[in-house]
Every structure is written in structure tokens, then in C-alpha cells.
PDB file of N, CA and C in Angstrom:
ATOM      1  N   MET A   1      -9.751  10.378   5.216  1.00  0.00           N
ATOM      2  CA  MET A   1     -10.477   9.205   5.283  1.00  0.00           C
ATOM      3  C   MET A   1     -10.485   7.986   4.193  1.00  0.00           C
ATOM      4  N   ASP A   2     -10.104   6.924   4.621  1.00  0.00           N
ATOM      5  CA  ASP A   2     -10.260   5.658   3.519  1.00  0.00           C
ATOM      6  C   ASP A   2     -11.757   5.232   3.220  1.00  0.00           C
ATOM      7  N   MET A   3     -11.676   4.564   2.394  1.00  0.00           N
ATOM      8  CA  MET A   3     -13.176   4.123   1.951  1.00  0.00           C
ATOM      9  C   MET A   3     -13.994   2.914   2.934  1.00  0.00           C
ATOM     10  N   TYR A   4     -13.019   2.248   3.497  1.00  0.00           N
ATOM     11  CA  TYR A   4     -13.294   1.471   4.834  1.00  0.00           C
ATOM     12  C   TYR A   4     -13.973   2.387   5.439  1.00  0.00           C
ATOM     13  N   SER A   5     -13.145   3.196   6.552  1.00  0.00           N
ATOM     14  CA  SER A   5     -13.971   4.135   7.176  1.00  0.00           C
ATOM     15  C   SER A   5     -14.894   4.949   7.242  1.00  0.00           C
ATOM     16  N   ARG A   6     -14.924   5.057   5.775  1.00  0.00           N
ATOM     17  CA  ARG A   6     -16.151   5.928   5.269  1.00  0.00           C
ATOM     18  C   ARG A   6     -17.389   5.437   5.170  1.00  0.00           C
ATOM     19  N   ASN A   7     -17.136   3.996   4.987  1.00  0.00           N
ATOM     20  CA  ASN A   7     -18.399   2.995   4.839  1.00  0.00           C
ATOM     21  C   ASN A   7     -19.107   2.722   6.305  1.00  0.00           C
ATOM     22  N   GLN A   8     -18.165   2.428   7.143  1.00  0.00           N
ATOM     23  CA  GLN A   8     -18.389   2.027   8.586  1.00  0.00           C
ATOM     24  C   GLN A   8     -19.148   3.461   9.029  1.00  0.00           C
ATOM     25  N   TYR A   9     -18.929   4.593   8.931  1.00  0.00           N
ATOM     26  CA  TYR A   9     -19.321   5.802   9.344  1.00  0.00           C
ATOM     27  C   TYR A   9     -20.542   5.891   9.062  1.00  0.00           C
ATOM     28  N   LEU A  10     -20.809   5.730   7.450  1.00  0.00           N
ATOM     29  CA  LEU A  10     -22.360   5.502   6.720  1.00  0.00           C
ATOM     30  C   LEU A  10     -23.082   4.777   7.641  1.00  0.00           C
ATOM     31  N   LYS A  11     -22.458   3.748   7.843  1.00  0.00           N
ATOM     32  CA  LYS A  11     -23.536   2.424   8.299  1.00  0.00           C
ATOM     33  C   LYS A  11     -24.078   3.084   9.587  1.00  0.00           C
ATOM     34  N   ARG A  12     -23.382   3.640  10.301  1.00  0.00           N
ATOM     35  CA  ARG A  12     -23.934   4.908  11.770  1.00  0.00           C
ATOM     36  C   ARG A  12     -24.661   5.780  11.170  1.00  0.00           C
ATOM     37  N   LEU A  13     -24.618   6.282  10.502  1.00  0.00           N
ATOM     38  CA  LEU A  13     -25.457   7.074  10.200  1.00  0.00           C
ATOM     39  C   LEU A  13     -26.597   7.267   9.558  1.00  0.00           C
ATOM     40  N   ARG A  14     -26.703   5.921   8.771  1.00  0.00           N
ATOM     41  CA  ARG A  14     -27.740   5.151   8.235  1.00  0.00           C
ATOM     42  C   ARG A  14     -28.525   5.107   8.675  1.00  0.00           C
ATOM     43  N   GLN A  15     -28.706   4.465  10.076  1.00  0.00           N
ATOM     44  CA  GLN A  15     -29.606   4.319  11.080  1.00  0.00           C
ATOM     45  C   GLN A  15     -30.416   5.155  11.441  1.00  0.00           C
ATOM     46  N   ARG A  16     -29.602   6.267  11.595  1.00  0.00           N
ATOM     47  CA  ARG A  16     -30.281   7.805  12.081  1.00  0.00           C
ATOM     48  C   ARG A  16     -31.085   8.344  10.966  1.00  0.00           C
ATOM     49  N   TYR A  17     -30.374   8.236   9.685  1.00  0.00           N
ATOM     50  CA  TYR A  17     -31.190   8.491   8.787  1.00  0.00           C
ATOM     51  C   TYR A  17     -32.554   8.323   8.414  1.00  0.00           C
ATOM     52  N   LEU A  18     -32.629   6.594   8.597  1.00  0.00           N
ATOM     53  CA  LEU A  18     -33.880   5.935   8.255  1.00  0.00           C
ATOM     54  C   LEU A  18     -34.684   5.767   9.357  1.00  0.00           C
ATOM     55  N   GLU A  19     -34.422   6.500  10.395  1.00  0.00           N
ATOM     56  CA  GLU A  19     -35.104   6.655  11.535  1.00  0.00           C
ATOM     57  C   GLU A  19     -35.966   7.910  11.722  1.00  0.00           C
ATOM     58  N   ALA A  20     -34.976   8.757  11.227  1.00  0.00           N
ATOM     59  CA  ALA A  20     -35.349  10.265  10.930  1.00  0.00           C
ATOM     60  C   ALA A  20     -36.796  10.666  10.627  1.00  0.00           C
ATOM     61  N   ARG A  21     -37.710  11.551  10.853  1.00  0.00           N
ATOM     62  CA  ARG A  21     -39.329  11.664  10.306  1.00  0.00           C
ATOM     63  C   ARG A  21     -39.178  12.780   9.651  1.00  0.00           C
ATOM     64  N   SER A  22     -38.390  13.986  10.064  1.00  0.00           N
ATOM     65  CA  SER A  22     -38.522  15.159   9.254  1.00  0.00           C
ATOM     66  C   SER A  22     -37.533  15.233   8.465  1.00  0.00           C
ATOM     67  N   LYS A  23     -37.664  16.290   7.134  1.00  0.00           N
ATOM     68  CA  LYS A  23     -36.748  16.348   6.409  1.00  0.00           C
ATOM     69  C   LYS A  23     -35.647  17.059   6.679  1.00  0.00           C
ATOM     70  N   LYS A  24     -35.800  18.385   7.658  1.00  0.00           N
ATOM     71  CA  LYS A  24     -34.712  18.921   8.392  1.00  0.00           C
ATOM     72  C   LYS A  24     -33.760  17.831   9.319  1.00  0.00           C
ATOM     73  N   ALA A  25     -34.408  16.699   9.685  1.00  0.00           N
ATOM     74  CA  ALA A  25     -33.241  15.775  10.409  1.00  0.00           C
ATOM     75  C   ALA A  25     -32.703  15.292   9.649  1.00  0.00           C
ATOM     76  N   LYS A  26     -33.182  14.863   8.288  1.00  0.00           N
ATOM     77  CA  LYS A  26     -32.380  13.985   7.364  1.00  0.00           C
ATOM     78  C   LYS A  26     -31.620  14.924   6.490  1.00  0.00           C
ATOM     79  N   SER A  27     -32.170  16.310   6.565  1.00  0.00           N
ATOM     80  CA  SER A  27     -31.281  17.233   5.759  1.00  0.00           C
ATOM     81  C   SER A  27     -29.840  17.205   6.838  1.00  0.00           C
ATOM     82  N   LYS A  28     -29.894  17.375   8.145  1.00  0.00           N
ATOM     83  CA  LYS A  28     -28.801  17.453   8.974  1.00  0.00           C
ATOM     84  C   LYS A  28     -27.905  16.193   8.910  1.00  0.00           C
ATOM     85  N   ILE A  29     -28.412  15.698   8.823  1.00  0.00           N
ATOM     86  CA  ILE A  29     -27.358  13.928   8.601  1.00  0.00           C
ATOM     87  C   ILE A  29     -26.754  14.072   7.561  1.00  0.00           C
ATOM     88  N   LEU A  30     -27.241  14.604   6.442  1.00  0.00           N
ATOM     89  CA  LEU A  30     -26.449  14.421   4.931  1.00  0.00           C
ATOM     90  C   LEU A  30     -25.330  15.694   5.167  1.00  0.00           C
ATOM     91  N   ASP A  31     -25.645  16.880   5.813  1.00  0.00           N
ATOM     92  CA  ASP A  31     -24.673  17.626   5.702  1.00  0.00           C
ATOM     93  C   ASP A  31     -23.834  17.362   6.667  1.00  0.00           C
ATOM     94  N   GLU A  32     -24.004  16.908   7.711  1.00  0.00           N
ATOM     95  CA  GLU A  32     -22.659  16.130   8.735  1.00  0.00           C
ATOM     96  C   GLU A  32     -21.961  15.376   7.731  1.00  0.00           C
ATOM     97  N   TYR A  33     -22.601  14.184   7.097  1.00  0.00           N
ATOM     98  CA  TYR A  33     -21.699  13.540   6.643  1.00  0.00           C
ATOM     99  C   TYR A  33     -20.733  13.907   5.504  1.00  0.00           C
ATOM    100  N   CYS A  34     -21.341  14.709   4.408  1.00  0.00           N
ATOM    101  CA  CYS A  34     -20.614  15.403   3.356  1.00  0.00           C
ATOM    102  C   CYS A  34     -19.685  16.475   3.715  1.00  0.00           C
ATOM    103  N   LYS A  35     -19.649  16.692   5.210  1.00  0.00           N
ATOM    104  CA  LYS A  35     -18.758  17.778   5.708  1.00  0.00           C
ATOM    105  C   LYS A  35     -17.699  17.262   5.961  1.00  0.00           C
ATOM    106  N   ASN A  36     -17.981  16.058   6.744  1.00  0.00           N
ATOM    107  CA  ASN A  36     -16.578  15.158   7.475  1.00  0.00           C
ATOM    108  C   ASN A  36     -16.044  14.217   6.548  1.00  0.00           C
ATOM    109  N   THR A  37     -16.389  14.077   5.072  1.00  0.00           N
ATOM    110  CA  THR A  37     -15.866  13.190   4.239  1.00  0.00           C
ATOM    111  C   THR A  37     -15.848  13.703   2.890  1.00  0.00           C
ATOM    112  N   SER A  38     -16.345  14.784   2.713  1.00  0.00           N
ATOM    113  CA  SER A  38     -15.967  15.709   1.123  1.00  0.00           C
ATOM    114  C   SER A  38     -16.461  14.955   0.163  1.00  0.00           C
ATOM    115  N   GLN A  39     -17.557  14.073   0.590  1.00  0.00           N
ATOM    116  CA  GLN A  39     -18.495  13.712  -0.852  1.00  0.00           C
ATOM    117  C   GLN A  39     -19.365  14.335  -1.374  1.00  0.00           C
ATOM    118  N   ASN A  40     -19.601  14.459  -2.497  1.00  0.00           N
ATOM    119  CA  ASN A  40     -20.838  14.705  -3.142  1.00  0.00           C
ATOM    120  C   ASN A  40     -22.551  14.760  -2.171  1.00  0.00           C
ATOM    121  N   ARG A  41     -23.087  15.198  -2.307  1.00  0.00           N
ATOM    122  CA  ARG A  41     -24.311  15.229  -1.485  1.00  0.00           C
ATOM    123  C   ARG A  41     -25.250  14.512  -2.575  1.00  0.00           C
ATOM    124  N   LYS A  42     -25.342  14.410  -3.573  1.00  0.00           N
ATOM    125  CA  LYS A  42     -26.340  13.395  -4.378  1.00  0.00           C
ATOM    126  C   LYS A  42     -25.548  11.888  -4.057  1.00  0.00           C
ATOM    127  N   TYR A  43     -24.558  11.972  -4.381  1.00  0.00           N
ATOM    128  CA  TYR A  43     -23.943  10.482  -4.410  1.00  0.00           C
ATOM    129  C   TYR A  43     -24.140   9.762  -2.701  1.00  0.00           C
ATOM    130  N   VAL A  44     -24.128  10.666  -1.725  1.00  0.00           N
ATOM    131  CA  VAL A  44     -24.304  10.187  -0.744  1.00  0.00           C
ATOM    132  C   VAL A  44     -25.920   9.888  -0.342  1.00  0.00           C
ATOM    133  N   ILE A  45     -26.708  10.347  -1.006  1.00  0.00           N
ATOM    134  CA  ILE A  45     -28.081   9.869  -0.659  1.00  0.00           C
ATOM    135  C   ILE A  45     -28.223   8.878  -1.236  1.00  0.00           C
ATOM    136  N   ARG A  46     -27.904   8.469  -2.509  1.00  0.00           N
ATOM    137  CA  ARG A  46     -27.772   7.164  -3.425  1.00  0.00           C
ATOM    138  C   ARG A  46     -27.296   6.165  -2.352  1.00  0.00           C
ATOM    139  N   LYS A  47     -26.278   6.374  -1.663  1.00  0.00           N
ATOM    140  CA  LYS A  47     -25.405   5.411  -0.833  1.00  0.00           C
ATOM    141  C   LYS A  47     -26.161   5.042   0.078  1.00  0.00           C
ATOM    142  N   ILE A  48     -26.934   5.839   1.122  1.00  0.00           N
ATOM    143  CA  ILE A  48     -27.313   5.780   2.154  1.00  0.00           C
ATOM    144  C   ILE A  48     -28.792   4.970   1.895  1.00  0.00           C
ATOM    145  N   GLN A  49     -29.271   4.946   0.581  1.00  0.00           N
ATOM    146  CA  GLN A  49     -30.697   4.044   0.836  1.00  0.00           C
ATOM    147  C   GLN A  49     -30.434   2.663   1.339  1.00  0.00           C
ATOM    148  N   PRO A  50     -31.576   2.085   1.670  1.00  0.00           N
ATOM    149  CA  PRO A  50     -31.426   0.579   2.277  1.00  0.00           C
ATOM    150  C   PRO A  50     -31.359  -0.311   1.346  1.00  0.00           C
ATOM    151  N   ARG A  51     -31.515  -0.326   0.322  1.00  0.00           N
ATOM    152  CA  ARG A  51     -31.114  -1.446  -1.099  1.00  0.00           C
ATOM    153  C   ARG A  51     -29.942  -1.622  -1.666  1.00  0.00           C
ATOM    154  N   ILE A  52     -28.847  -0.293  -0.956  1.00  0.00           N
ATOM    155  CA  ILE A  52     -27.351  -0.314  -1.291  1.00  0.00           C
ATOM    156  C   ILE A  52     -26.922  -1.069  -0.300  1.00  0.00           C
ATOM    157  N   SER A  53     -25.970  -2.298  -0.527  1.00  0.00           N
ATOM    158  CA  SER A  53     -24.974  -3.086   0.276  1.00  0.00           C
ATOM    159  C   SER A  53     -23.897  -2.452   0.161  1.00  0.00           C
ATOM    160  N   LEU A  54     -23.343  -1.890   1.787  1.00  0.00           N
ATOM    161  CA  LEU A  54     -22.122  -1.550   2.048  1.00  0.00           C
ATOM    162  C   LEU A  54     -20.917  -2.461   2.411  1.00  0.00           C
ATOM    163  N   GLU A  55     -21.296  -3.712   2.074  1.00  0.00           N
ATOM    164  CA  GLU A  55     -20.073  -4.876   2.042  1.00  0.00           C
ATOM    165  C   GLU A  55     -19.544  -4.953   0.768  1.00  0.00           C
ATOM    166  N   THR A  56     -17.813  -4.904   1.224  1.00  0.00           N
ATOM    167  CA  THR A  56     -17.153  -5.377   0.119  1.00  0.00           C
ATOM    168  C   THR A  56     -17.587  -6.651  -0.686  1.00  0.00           C
ATOM    169  N   LYS A  57     -17.475  -6.790  -2.077  1.00  0.00           N
ATOM    170  CA  LYS A  57     -17.823  -8.193  -2.848  1.00  0.00           C
ATOM    171  C   LYS A  57     -16.188  -8.642  -3.055  1.00  0.00           C
ATOM    172  N   PRO A  58     -16.081  -9.621  -2.432  1.00  0.00           N
ATOM    173  CA  PRO A  58     -14.877 -10.650  -3.009  1.00  0.00           C
ATOM    174  C   PRO A  58     -14.175 -10.338  -4.483  1.00  0.00           C
ATOM    175  N   ARG A  59     -13.234 -10.411  -4.501  1.00  0.00           N
ATOM    176  CA  ARG A  59     -12.758 -10.155  -6.246  1.00  0.00           C
ATOM    177  C   ARG A  59     -12.655 -11.561  -6.902  1.00  0.00           C
ATOM    178  N   LYS A  60     -13.136 -11.750  -8.424  1.00  0.00           N
ATOM    179  CA  LYS A  60     -12.888 -12.556  -9.149  1.00  0.00           C
ATOM    180  C   LYS A  60     -11.522 -13.151  -9.359  1.00  0.00           C
ATOM    181  N   LYS A  61     -11.613 -14.363  -9.337  1.00  0.00           N
ATOM    182  CA  LYS A  61      -9.987 -15.311  -9.360  1.00  0.00           C
ATOM    183  C   LYS A  61      -9.659 -15.091 -11.046  1.00  0.00           C
ATOM    184  N   ARG A  62      -8.651 -14.619 -11.558  1.00  0.00           N
ATOM    185  CA  ARG A  62      -8.340 -14.938 -12.853  1.00  0.00           C
ATOM    186  C   ARG A  62      -8.219 -16.439 -12.976  1.00  0.00           C
ATOM    187  N   LYS A  63      -8.506 -16.820 -14.415  1.00  0.00           N
ATOM    188  CA  LYS A  63      -8.425 -18.093 -14.625  1.00  0.00           C
ATOM    189  C   LYS A  63      -7.091 -18.165 -15.173  1.00  0.00           C
ATOM    190  N   VAL A  64      -6.372 -19.673 -14.727  1.00  0.00           N
ATOM    191  CA  VAL A  64      -5.190 -19.833 -15.481  1.00  0.00           C
ATOM    192  C   VAL A  64      -4.806 -20.177 -16.389  1.00  0.00           C
ATOM    193  N   VAL A  65      -3.954 -19.300 -17.230  1.00  0.00           N
ATOM    194  CA  VAL A  65      -3.930 -19.253 -18.643  1.00  0.00           C
ATOM    195  C   VAL A  65      -2.904 -20.380 -19.111  1.00  0.00           C
ATOM    196  N   TYR A  66      -1.449 -20.346 -18.248  1.00  0.00           N
ATOM    197  CA  TYR A  66      -0.487 -21.344 -18.769  1.00  0.00           C
ATOM    198  C   TYR A  66      -0.540 -22.217 -17.463  1.00  0.00           C
ATOM    199  N   ASP A  67      -0.046 -23.616 -17.693  1.00  0.00           N
ATOM    200  CA  ASP A  67       0.198 -24.323 -16.676  1.00  0.00           C
ATOM    201  C   ASP A  67       1.573 -24.520 -16.243  1.00  0.00           C
ATOM    202  N   GLY A  68       2.170 -25.592 -15.484  1.00  0.00           N
ATOM    203  CA  GLY A  68       3.509 -25.322 -15.067  1.00  0.00           C
ATOM    204  C   GLY A  68       4.579 -25.830 -16.686  1.00  0.00           C
ATOM    205  N   GLU A  69       3.955 -27.054 -17.180  1.00  0.00           N
ATOM    206  CA  GLU A  69       5.044 -27.373 -18.201  1.00  0.00           C
ATOM    207  C   GLU A  69       5.267 -25.861 -19.531  1.00  0.00           C
ATOM    208  N   VAL A  70       4.071 -25.365 -19.653  1.00  0.00           N
ATOM    209  CA  VAL A  70       4.188 -24.065 -20.412  1.00  0.00           C
ATOM    210  C   VAL A  70       5.257 -23.112 -19.882  1.00  0.00           C
ATOM    211  N   LYS A  71       4.871 -22.852 -18.456  1.00  0.00           N
ATOM    212  CA  LYS A  71       5.800 -21.910 -17.692  1.00  0.00           C
ATOM    213  C   LYS A  71       7.366 -22.358 -17.919  1.00  0.00           C
ATOM    214  N   ALA A  72       7.491 -23.789 -17.750  1.00  0.00           N
ATOM    215  CA  ALA A  72       8.830 -23.990 -17.999  1.00  0.00           C
ATOM    216  C   ALA A  72       9.551 -23.743 -19.437  1.00  0.00           C
ATOM    217  N   ALA A  73       8.861 -23.994 -20.049  1.00  0.00           N
ATOM    218  CA  ALA A  73       9.206 -23.880 -21.225  1.00  0.00           C
ATOM    219  C   ALA A  73       9.345 -22.465 -21.722  1.00  0.00           C
ATOM    220  N   LEU A  74       8.716 -21.652 -21.299  1.00  0.00           N
ATOM    221  CA  LEU A  74       8.799 -20.497 -21.293  1.00  0.00           C
ATOM    222  C   LEU A  74       9.827 -19.471 -20.785  1.00  0.00           C
ATOM    223  N   ALA A  75      10.075 -20.184 -19.643  1.00  0.00           N
ATOM    224  CA  ALA A  75      11.562 -19.843 -18.879  1.00  0.00           C
ATOM    225  C   ALA A  75      12.946 -20.182 -19.638  1.00  0.00           C
ATOM    226  N   GLN A  76      12.958 -21.192 -20.308  1.00  0.00           N
ATOM    227  CA  GLN A  76      13.974 -21.497 -20.803  1.00  0.00           C
ATOM    228  C   GLN A  76      13.955 -20.809 -22.004  1.00  0.00           C
ATOM    229  N   VAL A  77      13.137 -20.572 -22.790  1.00  0.00           N
ATOM    230  CA  VAL A  77      13.097 -19.653 -24.279  1.00  0.00           C
ATOM    231  C   VAL A  77      13.743 -18.258 -23.650  1.00  0.00           C
ATOM    232  N   TRP A  78      13.156 -17.825 -22.583  1.00  0.00           N
ATOM    233  CA  TRP A  78      13.260 -16.404 -22.230  1.00  0.00           C
ATOM    234  C   TRP A  78      14.580 -16.641 -21.572  1.00  0.00           C
TER     235      TRP A  78
END
């Protein structure tokens, strides 16, 4: 199971977990998720909290180090 599908699965279980009133119900939900994804229980508890965002963040772009003129000169030297 890849990370994207784990996060989708966790999003669905998060609603059930937050609506669960008893500790037993929450424990069953955690057991189900840990069994299906083989993730550590403490890690899942931290990740299922509502303050954690499950959305992927865009990666930062690298700054341009060399412009076209320098690349052309490097290509000739190389």
C-alpha cells in the first residue's frame, strides 16, 4: 500500500475516530488501521489527530545557479 492510499484510508477512518465516544471504539479503529497498513500504533495516533494535515505540500523549486551563457561555455569546455 503506497503513502497516498494510506492517507486516503486514514482520512476515512479519521471521521469515525473523532466521532467515536468510547475508548474501546477508538481502539478498534486504531487496531484496524494498524493491521491493514502495518504502521506503528503511536505513529498512527499522532497522525490521526485533527491538527495534522494529510494533504501533500508542493515541493520547493531550486534556484537557477547557471544561466544559458554559462551553460554554453561549460558545454564547450567539457
